[in-house]
PDB file of N, CA and C in Angstrom:
ATOM      1  N   MET A   1       0.757  -1.690  -0.256  1.00  0.00           N
ATOM      2  CA  MET A   1      -0.182  -0.234  -0.185  1.00  0.00           C
ATOM      3  C   MET A   1       0.434   1.094   0.384  1.00  0.00           C
ATOM      4  N   LEU A   2       2.265   1.113   0.413  1.00  0.00           N
ATOM      5  CA  LEU A   2       2.990   2.697   0.698  1.00  0.00           C
ATOM      6  C   LEU A   2       3.516   2.434  -1.153  1.00  0.00           C
ATOM      7  N   ASP A   3       3.667   2.003  -1.521  1.00  0.00           N
ATOM      8  CA  ASP A   3       4.349   1.721  -2.694  1.00  0.00           C
ATOM      9  C   ASP A   3       3.050   2.388  -4.255  1.00  0.00           C
ATOM     10  N   SER A   4       1.800   2.012  -3.718  1.00  0.00           N
ATOM     11  CA  SER A   4       0.565   2.603  -4.658  1.00  0.00           C
ATOM     12  C   SER A   4       0.576   4.210  -5.420  1.00  0.00           C
ATOM     13  N   SER A   5       0.118   3.776  -6.432  1.00  0.00           N
ATOM     14  CA  SER A   5       0.313   5.038  -7.433  1.00  0.00           C
ATOM     15  C   SER A   5      -1.281   5.521  -6.999  1.00  0.00           C
ATOM     16  N   VAL A   6      -2.283   4.939  -6.240  1.00  0.00           N
ATOM     17  CA  VAL A   6      -3.393   5.441  -6.515  1.00  0.00           C
ATOM     18  C   VAL A   6      -3.893   5.358  -5.175  1.00  0.00           C
ATOM     19  N   PRO A   7      -4.835   5.847  -4.302  1.00  0.00           N
ATOM     20  CA  PRO A   7      -5.029   6.037  -3.677  1.00  0.00           C
ATOM     21  C   PRO A   7      -5.929   4.592  -3.081  1.00  0.00           C
ATOM     22  N   VAL A   8      -5.435   4.119  -1.389  1.00  0.00           N
ATOM     23  CA  VAL A   8      -5.718   2.997  -0.618  1.00  0.00           C
ATOM     24  C   VAL A   8      -6.088   3.326   0.518  1.00  0.00           C
ATOM     25  N   ILE A   9      -7.413   2.316   1.037  1.00  0.00           N
ATOM     26  CA  ILE A   9      -7.918   2.931   1.668  1.00  0.00           C
ATOM     27  C   ILE A   9      -7.923   1.298   2.628  1.00  0.00           C
ATOM     28  N   VAL A  10      -7.579   1.194   3.960  1.00  0.00           N
ATOM     29  CA  VAL A  10      -7.506   0.444   5.096  1.00  0.00           C
ATOM     30  C   VAL A  10      -8.433   0.355   6.149  1.00  0.00           C
ATOM     31  N   ASP A  11      -8.763  -0.443   6.060  1.00  0.00           N
ATOM     32  CA  ASP A  11      -9.985  -1.119   7.064  1.00  0.00           C
ATOM     33  C   ASP A  11      -9.145  -2.141   8.071  1.00  0.00           C
ATOM     34  N   PHE A  12      -9.494  -1.236   9.610  1.00  0.00           N
ATOM     35  CA  PHE A  12      -8.894  -1.915  10.213  1.00  0.00           C
ATOM     36  C   PHE A  12     -10.070  -2.190  11.311  1.00  0.00           C
ATOM     37  N   TYR A  13     -10.034  -3.573  11.157  1.00  0.00           N
ATOM     38  CA  TYR A  13     -11.730  -4.456  11.598  1.00  0.00           C
ATOM     39  C   TYR A  13     -11.555  -5.327  12.290  1.00  0.00           C
ATOM     40  N   ALA A  14     -12.548  -6.659  13.718  1.00  0.00           N
ATOM     41  CA  ALA A  14     -12.132  -7.372  14.063  1.00  0.00           C
ATOM     42  C   ALA A  14     -13.206  -7.824  13.831  1.00  0.00           C
ATOM     43  N   ASP A  15     -13.519  -9.499  13.496  1.00  0.00           N
ATOM     44  CA  ASP A  15     -14.505 -10.225  13.491  1.00  0.00           C
ATOM     45  C   ASP A  15     -16.068 -10.375  14.490  1.00  0.00           C
ATOM     46  N   TRP A  16     -14.907  -9.845  15.623  1.00  0.00           N
ATOM     47  CA  TRP A  16     -16.018 -10.323  16.942  1.00  0.00           C
ATOM     48  C   TRP A  16     -16.680  -8.746  16.739  1.00  0.00           C
ATOM     49  N   CYS A  17     -16.635  -7.918  15.996  1.00  0.00           N
ATOM     50  CA  CYS A  17     -16.771  -6.103  16.429  1.00  0.00           C
ATOM     51  C   CYS A  17     -18.202  -5.539  15.478  1.00  0.00           C
ATOM     52  N   GLY A  18     -19.082  -5.264  15.954  1.00  0.00           N
ATOM     53  CA  GLY A  18     -20.482  -5.414  15.459  1.00  0.00           C
ATOM     54  C   GLY A  18     -19.986  -4.038  14.631  1.00  0.00           C
ATOM     55  N   PRO A  19     -19.564  -2.932  14.946  1.00  0.00           N
ATOM     56  CA  PRO A  19     -19.839  -1.723  13.861  1.00  0.00           C
ATOM     57  C   PRO A  19     -18.737  -1.858  11.824  1.00  0.00           C
ATOM     58  N   CYS A  20     -17.850  -3.439  12.483  1.00  0.00           N
ATOM     59  CA  CYS A  20     -16.805  -3.577  11.505  1.00  0.00           C
ATOM     60  C   CYS A  20     -17.526  -4.303  10.763  1.00  0.00           C
ATOM     61  N   LYS A  21     -18.734  -5.148  11.132  1.00  0.00           N
ATOM     62  CA  LYS A  21     -19.655  -6.187  10.345  1.00  0.00           C
ATOM     63  C   LYS A  21     -20.036  -5.401   9.580  1.00  0.00           C
ATOM     64  N   MET A  22     -20.966  -4.282  10.314  1.00  0.00           N
ATOM     65  CA  MET A  22     -21.464  -3.442   9.437  1.00  0.00           C
ATOM     66  C   MET A  22     -21.117  -2.425   7.959  1.00  0.00           C
ATOM     67  N   ILE A  23     -19.982  -2.305   8.219  1.00  0.00           N
ATOM     68  CA  ILE A  23     -18.969  -0.859   7.009  1.00  0.00           C
ATOM     69  C   ILE A  23     -18.409  -2.549   6.384  1.00  0.00           C
ATOM     70  N   ALA A  24     -17.858  -3.782   6.820  1.00  0.00           N
ATOM     71  CA  ALA A  24     -17.813  -4.596   5.301  1.00  0.00           C
ATOM     72  C   ALA A  24     -18.657  -4.592   4.271  1.00  0.00           C
ATOM     73  N   PRO A  25     -19.493  -4.698   4.099  1.00  0.00           N
ATOM     74  CA  PRO A  25     -20.363  -4.189   2.892  1.00  0.00           C
ATOM     75  C   PRO A  25     -20.241  -3.255   2.499  1.00  0.00           C
ATOM     76  N   VAL A  26     -19.777  -1.932   2.869  1.00  0.00           N
ATOM     77  CA  VAL A  26     -19.564  -0.814   2.493  1.00  0.00           C
ATOM     78  C   VAL A  26     -18.149  -1.232   1.766  1.00  0.00           C
ATOM     79  N   MET A  27     -17.464  -1.263   1.999  1.00  0.00           N
ATOM     80  CA  MET A  27     -16.036  -1.456   1.778  1.00  0.00           C
ATOM     81  C   MET A  27     -16.165  -2.230   0.632  1.00  0.00           C
ATOM     82  N   GLU A  28     -16.609  -3.806   0.400  1.00  0.00           N
ATOM     83  CA  GLU A  28     -17.086  -4.359  -0.605  1.00  0.00           C
ATOM     84  C   GLU A  28     -17.268  -3.695  -1.890  1.00  0.00           C
ATOM     85  N   GLU A  29     -18.344  -2.966  -1.382  1.00  0.00           N
ATOM     86  CA  GLU A  29     -19.096  -2.393  -2.676  1.00  0.00           C
ATOM     87  C   GLU A  29     -18.131  -1.213  -3.323  1.00  0.00           C
ATOM     88  N   ILE A  30     -17.750  -0.370  -2.451  1.00  0.00           N
ATOM     89  CA  ILE A  30     -16.113   0.906  -2.317  1.00  0.00           C
ATOM     90  C   ILE A  30     -15.576   0.369  -3.074  1.00  0.00           C
ATOM     91  N   ALA A  31     -14.976  -1.124  -2.891  1.00  0.00           N
ATOM     92  CA  ALA A  31     -13.965  -1.534  -4.012  1.00  0.00           C
ATOM     93  C   ALA A  31     -14.177  -2.004  -5.055  1.00  0.00           C
ATOM     94  N   LYS A  32     -15.312  -2.514  -5.006  1.00  0.00           N
ATOM     95  CA  LYS A  32     -16.222  -3.139  -6.561  1.00  0.00           C
ATOM     96  C   LYS A  32     -16.136  -2.038  -7.746  1.00  0.00           C
ATOM     97  N   GLU A  33     -16.360  -1.082  -6.584  1.00  0.00           N
ATOM     98  CA  GLU A  33     -17.179   0.154  -7.849  1.00  0.00           C
ATOM     99  C   GLU A  33     -16.306   1.588  -8.233  1.00  0.00           C
ATOM    100  N   ASN A  34     -14.560   1.145  -8.015  1.00  0.00           N
ATOM    101  CA  ASN A  34     -13.920   2.552  -7.540  1.00  0.00           C
ATOM    102  C   ASN A  34     -12.777   1.704  -8.097  1.00  0.00           C
ATOM    103  N   LEU A  35     -11.938   1.755  -9.496  1.00  0.00           N
ATOM    104  CA  LEU A  35     -11.409   0.990  -9.744  1.00  0.00           C
ATOM    105  C   LEU A  35     -10.096   1.997  -9.619  1.00  0.00           C
ATOM    106  N   GLY A  36     -10.353   3.197  -9.505  1.00  0.00           N
ATOM    107  CA  GLY A  36      -9.208   4.185  -9.098  1.00  0.00           C
ATOM    108  C   GLY A  36      -8.466   4.289  -7.717  1.00  0.00           C
ATOM    109  N   LEU A  37      -9.608   3.715  -7.133  1.00  0.00           N
ATOM    110  CA  LEU A  37      -8.969   2.895  -5.220  1.00  0.00           C
ATOM    111  C   LEU A  37      -8.400   1.656  -5.413  1.00  0.00           C
ATOM    112  N   LYS A  38      -7.404   1.738  -4.067  1.00  0.00           N
ATOM    113  CA  LYS A  38      -7.828   0.256  -3.516  1.00  0.00           C
ATOM    114  C   LYS A  38      -7.991   0.042  -1.714  1.00  0.00           C
ATOM    115  N   VAL A  39      -8.704  -0.791  -1.585  1.00  0.00           N
ATOM    116  CA  VAL A  39      -9.383  -1.336  -1.115  1.00  0.00           C
ATOM    117  C   VAL A  39      -8.960  -2.619  -0.416  1.00  0.00           C
ATOM    118  N   CYS A  40      -8.232  -1.823   1.304  1.00  0.00           N
ATOM    119  CA  CYS A  40      -7.381  -3.730   1.923  1.00  0.00           C
ATOM    120  C   CYS A  40      -8.317  -3.631   3.289  1.00  0.00           C
ATOM    121  N   LYS A  41      -8.143  -4.403   4.139  1.00  0.00           N
ATOM    122  CA  LYS A  41      -8.269  -5.089   5.503  1.00  0.00           C
ATOM    123  C   LYS A  41      -7.767  -5.321   6.393  1.00  0.00           C
ATOM    124  N   VAL A  42      -7.313  -4.957   7.596  1.00  0.00           N
ATOM    125  CA  VAL A  42      -6.642  -5.421   8.555  1.00  0.00           C
ATOM    126  C   VAL A  42      -7.171  -6.129   9.405  1.00  0.00           C
ATOM    127  N   ASN A  43      -7.206  -7.513   9.675  1.00  0.00           N
ATOM    128  CA  ASN A  43      -7.308  -7.480  11.142  1.00  0.00           C
ATOM    129  C   ASN A  43      -6.775  -7.658  12.499  1.00  0.00           C
ATOM    130  N   VAL A  44      -7.038  -6.607  13.171  1.00  0.00           N
ATOM    131  CA  VAL A  44      -6.616  -6.730  14.541  1.00  0.00           C
ATOM    132  C   VAL A  44      -6.140  -7.032  15.440  1.00  0.00           C
ATOM    133  N   ASP A  45      -6.647  -8.344  15.086  1.00  0.00           N
ATOM    134  CA  ASP A  45      -6.527  -9.553  15.904  1.00  0.00           C
ATOM    135  C   ASP A  45      -5.456 -10.551  15.314  1.00  0.00           C
ATOM    136  N   GLU A  46      -5.093 -10.434  14.305  1.00  0.00           N
ATOM    137  CA  GLU A  46      -3.992 -11.107  13.368  1.00  0.00           C
ATOM    138  C   GLU A  46      -2.542 -10.398  12.937  1.00  0.00           C
ATOM    139  N   GLU A  47      -2.940  -8.810  12.913  1.00  0.00           N
ATOM    140  CA  GLU A  47      -1.812  -7.853  12.631  1.00  0.00           C
ATOM    141  C   GLU A  47      -2.037  -6.717  13.335  1.00  0.00           C
ATOM    142  N   GLY A  48      -1.854  -7.405  15.152  1.00  0.00           N
ATOM    143  CA  GLY A  48      -1.418  -6.398  16.424  1.00  0.00           C
ATOM    144  C   GLY A  48      -0.312  -5.169  15.913  1.00  0.00           C
ATOM    145  N   ASP A  49       0.323  -5.977  15.181  1.00  0.00           N
ATOM    146  CA  ASP A  49       2.172  -5.164  15.272  1.00  0.00           C
ATOM    147  C   ASP A  49       1.592  -3.760  14.826  1.00  0.00           C
ATOM    148  N   LEU A  50       0.560  -4.471  13.056  1.00  0.00           N
ATOM    149  CA  LEU A  50       0.350  -3.152  12.008  1.00  0.00           C
ATOM    150  C   LEU A  50      -0.119  -2.395  12.807  1.00  0.00           C
ATOM    151  N   ALA A  51      -1.433  -2.688  13.486  1.00  0.00           N
ATOM    152  CA  ALA A  51      -2.803  -1.588  13.691  1.00  0.00           C
ATOM    153  C   ALA A  51      -2.020  -0.736  14.763  1.00  0.00           C
ATOM    154  N   MET A  52      -0.879  -1.299  15.603  1.00  0.00           N
ATOM    155  CA  MET A  52      -0.397  -0.474  16.389  1.00  0.00           C
ATOM    156  C   MET A  52       0.543   0.721  15.747  1.00  0.00           C
ATOM    157  N   GLN A  53       0.942  -0.186  15.128  1.00  0.00           N
ATOM    158  CA  GLN A  53       1.951   0.838  13.787  1.00  0.00           C
ATOM    159  C   GLN A  53       1.693   2.189  13.670  1.00  0.00           C
ATOM    160  N   TYR A  54       0.179   2.147  13.060  1.00  0.00           N
ATOM    161  CA  TYR A  54      -0.526   2.901  12.602  1.00  0.00           C
ATOM    162  C   TYR A  54      -1.718   3.910  13.466  1.00  0.00           C
ATOM    163  N   GLY A  55      -1.402   2.933  14.841  1.00  0.00           N
ATOM    164  CA  GLY A  55      -2.128   4.027  16.356  1.00  0.00           C
ATOM    165  C   GLY A  55      -3.204   3.739  16.771  1.00  0.00           C
ATOM    166  N   VAL A  56      -3.628   2.602  16.069  1.00  0.00           N
ATOM    167  CA  VAL A  56      -4.840   1.963  15.711  1.00  0.00           C
ATOM    168  C   VAL A  56      -5.402   1.779  17.627  1.00  0.00           C
ATOM    169  N   MET A  57      -6.577   2.229  17.824  1.00  0.00           N
ATOM    170  CA  MET A  57      -6.317   2.243  19.367  1.00  0.00           C
ATOM    171  C   MET A  57      -8.139   1.721  19.394  1.00  0.00           C
ATOM    172  N   SER A  58      -9.255   1.963  18.059  1.00  0.00           N
ATOM    173  CA  SER A  58     -10.575   1.640  18.427  1.00  0.00           C
ATOM    174  C   SER A  58     -10.807   1.476  16.981  1.00  0.00           C
ATOM    175  N   ILE A  59     -12.103   0.482  16.760  1.00  0.00           N
ATOM    176  CA  ILE A  59     -12.047  -0.266  16.039  1.00  0.00           C
ATOM    177  C   ILE A  59     -13.754  -0.069  15.225  1.00  0.00           C
ATOM    178  N   PRO A  60     -14.149   0.402  14.184  1.00  0.00           N
ATOM    179  CA  PRO A  60     -13.334   0.212  12.982  1.00  0.00           C
ATOM    180  C   PRO A  60     -12.501   1.290  12.410  1.00  0.00           C
ATOM    181  N   THR A  61     -11.573   1.494  12.140  1.00  0.00           N
ATOM    182  CA  THR A  61     -10.893   2.950  12.224  1.00  0.00           C
ATOM    183  C   THR A  61     -10.386   2.506  10.694  1.00  0.00           C
ATOM    184  N   ILE A  62     -10.650   3.652   9.412  1.00  0.00           N
ATOM    185  CA  ILE A  62     -10.151   3.892   7.919  1.00  0.00           C
ATOM    186  C   ILE A  62      -8.677   4.793   7.832  1.00  0.00           C
ATOM    187  N   VAL A  63      -8.628   4.197   7.318  1.00  0.00           N
ATOM    188  CA  VAL A  63      -6.753   5.317   7.481  1.00  0.00           C
ATOM    189  C   VAL A  63      -7.046   5.150   5.593  1.00  0.00           C
ATOM    190  N   VAL A  64      -6.695   6.743   4.962  1.00  0.00           N
ATOM    191  CA  VAL A  64      -6.181   6.839   3.748  1.00  0.00           C
ATOM    192  C   VAL A  64      -5.022   7.145   3.286  1.00  0.00           C
ATOM    193  N   PHE A  65      -4.290   5.938   2.243  1.00  0.00           N
ATOM    194  CA  PHE A  65      -2.930   6.526   1.869  1.00  0.00           C
ATOM    195  C   PHE A  65      -3.007   7.755   0.489  1.00  0.00           C
ATOM    196  N   LYS A  66      -2.358   7.913   0.801  1.00  0.00           N
ATOM    197  CA  LYS A  66      -1.927   8.786  -0.851  1.00  0.00           C
ATOM    198  C   LYS A  66      -0.391   9.115  -0.490  1.00  0.00           C
ATOM    199  N   ASN A  67      -0.058   8.149  -1.840  1.00  0.00           N
ATOM    200  CA  ASN A  67       1.767   8.138  -2.384  1.00  0.00           C
ATOM    201  C   ASN A  67       2.377   8.027  -0.765  1.00  0.00           C
ATOM    202  N   GLY A  68       2.145   7.010  -0.410  1.00  0.00           N
ATOM    203  CA  GLY A  68       2.697   6.192   0.810  1.00  0.00           C
ATOM    204  C   GLY A  68       2.594   6.655   2.269  1.00  0.00           C
ATOM    205  N   GLN A  69       1.494   8.102   2.390  1.00  0.00           N
ATOM    206  CA  GLN A  69       1.361   9.015   3.063  1.00  0.00           C
ATOM    207  C   GLN A  69       0.034   8.573   3.955  1.00  0.00           C
ATOM    208  N   ILE A  70      -0.291   8.477   5.304  1.00  0.00           N
ATOM    209  CA  ILE A  70      -1.686   8.836   5.949  1.00  0.00           C
ATOM    210  C   ILE A  70      -1.961  10.491   5.336  1.00  0.00           C
ATOM    211  N   VAL A  71      -3.358  10.403   4.689  1.00  0.00           N
ATOM    212  CA  VAL A  71      -3.689  12.111   3.967  1.00  0.00           C
ATOM    213  C   VAL A  71      -5.406  12.412   5.049  1.00  0.00           C
ATOM    214  N   ASN A  72      -5.579  10.596   5.647  1.00  0.00           N
ATOM    215  CA  ASN A  72      -7.121  11.231   6.152  1.00  0.00           C
ATOM    216  C   ASN A  72      -7.183   9.742   7.743  1.00  0.00           C
ATOM    217  N   GLN A  73      -7.676   9.570   8.894  1.00  0.00           N
ATOM    218  CA  GLN A  73      -8.052   8.641   9.445  1.00  0.00           C
ATOM    219  C   GLN A  73      -9.451   9.004  10.030  1.00  0.00           C
ATOM    220  N   GLN A  74      -9.867   7.739  10.344  1.00  0.00           N
ATOM    221  CA  GLN A  74     -11.392   7.734  11.271  1.00  0.00           C
ATOM    222  C   GLN A  74     -11.595   6.552  11.946  1.00  0.00           C
ATOM    223  N   VAL A  75     -12.439   6.966  12.882  1.00  0.00           N
ATOM    224  CA  VAL A  75     -12.785   6.038  13.582  1.00  0.00           C
ATOM    225  C   VAL A  75     -14.252   5.889  13.689  1.00  0.00           C
ATOM    226  N   GLY A  76     -14.675   4.630  13.542  1.00  0.00           N
ATOM    227  CA  GLY A  76     -16.547   3.961  13.547  1.00  0.00           C
ATOM    228  C   GLY A  76     -16.755   4.168  12.760  1.00  0.00           C
ATOM    229  N   PHE A  77     -18.125   3.944  12.541  1.00  0.00           N
ATOM    230  CA  PHE A  77     -18.531   3.625  11.081  1.00  0.00           C
ATOM    231  C   PHE A  77     -18.719   4.333  10.663  1.00  0.00           C
ATOM    232  N   ARG A  78     -18.759   4.796   8.953  1.00  0.00           N
ATOM    233  CA  ARG A  78     -18.821   5.514   8.074  1.00  0.00           C
ATOM    234  C   ARG A  78     -19.106   4.975   7.000  1.00  0.00           C
ATOM    235  N   ASN A  79     -20.694   5.745   6.294  1.00  0.00           N
ATOM    236  CA  ASN A  79     -21.160   5.579   4.833  1.00  0.00           C
ATOM    237  C   ASN A  79     -20.270   5.363   4.043  1.00  0.00           C
ATOM    238  N   LYS A  80     -21.293   5.012   3.177  1.00  0.00           N
ATOM    239  CA  LYS A  80     -19.847   5.056   1.529  1.00  0.00           C
ATOM    240  C   LYS A  80     -19.643   6.220   1.228  1.00  0.00           C
ATOM    241  N   GLU A  81     -20.421   7.468   1.431  1.00  0.00           N
ATOM    242  CA  GLU A  81     -20.542   8.568   1.266  1.00  0.00           C
ATOM    243  C   GLU A  81     -19.223   9.077   1.658  1.00  0.00           C
ATOM    244  N   ALA A  82     -19.517   8.896   3.166  1.00  0.00           N
ATOM    245  CA  ALA A  82     -18.460   9.796   4.111  1.00  0.00           C
ATOM    246  C   ALA A  82     -16.985   8.966   3.852  1.00  0.00           C
ATOM    247  N   ILE A  83     -17.552   7.709   3.938  1.00  0.00           N
ATOM    248  CA  ILE A  83     -15.814   7.290   2.857  1.00  0.00           C
ATOM    249  C   ILE A  83     -15.203   7.359   1.703  1.00  0.00           C
ATOM    250  N   LEU A  84     -15.931   7.815   0.903  1.00  0.00           N
ATOM    251  CA  LEU A  84     -15.352   8.398  -0.258  1.00  0.00           C
ATOM    252  C   LEU A  84     -14.684   9.788  -0.145  1.00  0.00           C
ATOM    253  N   GLU A  85     -15.520  10.401   0.726  1.00  0.00           N
ATOM    254  CA  GLU A  85     -14.926  12.024   1.581  1.00  0.00           C
ATOM    255  C   GLU A  85     -13.866  12.513   1.328  1.00  0.00           C
ATOM    256  N   MET A  86     -13.332  11.013   2.314  1.00  0.00           N
ATOM    257  CA  MET A  86     -12.205  10.974   3.387  1.00  0.00           C
ATOM    258  C   MET A  86     -10.760  10.990   2.201  1.00  0.00           C
ATOM    259  N   VAL A  87     -11.198  10.487   1.122  1.00  0.00           N
ATOM    260  CA  VAL A  87     -10.141   9.932   0.005  1.00  0.00           C
ATOM    261  C   VAL A  87     -10.144  11.339  -0.654  1.00  0.00           C
ATOM    262  N   LYS A  88     -10.674  12.535  -1.108  1.00  0.00           N
ATOM    263  CA  LYS A  88     -10.891  13.778  -1.821  1.00  0.00           C
ATOM    264  C   LYS A  88      -9.959  14.155  -1.062  1.00  0.00           C
TER     265      LYS A  88
END
């Protein structure tokens, strides 16, 4: 994701998290519709060090990278429009 030439949206989540389950279909829809974006999911239970590296304290946390740099980060459920607005 750090070498990507297109914006990358990363969803830090856990399988047991209710709001994470709500945001999952939204992220899937964004991934299918937006060819100019990459969408990645990171399970914080499996990748705790990575979550810690990016300062993820609560989930879901959505992090947007452009040119390898964090340009936006939000905690909690967001609808599709709000997530896409984070990329602008």
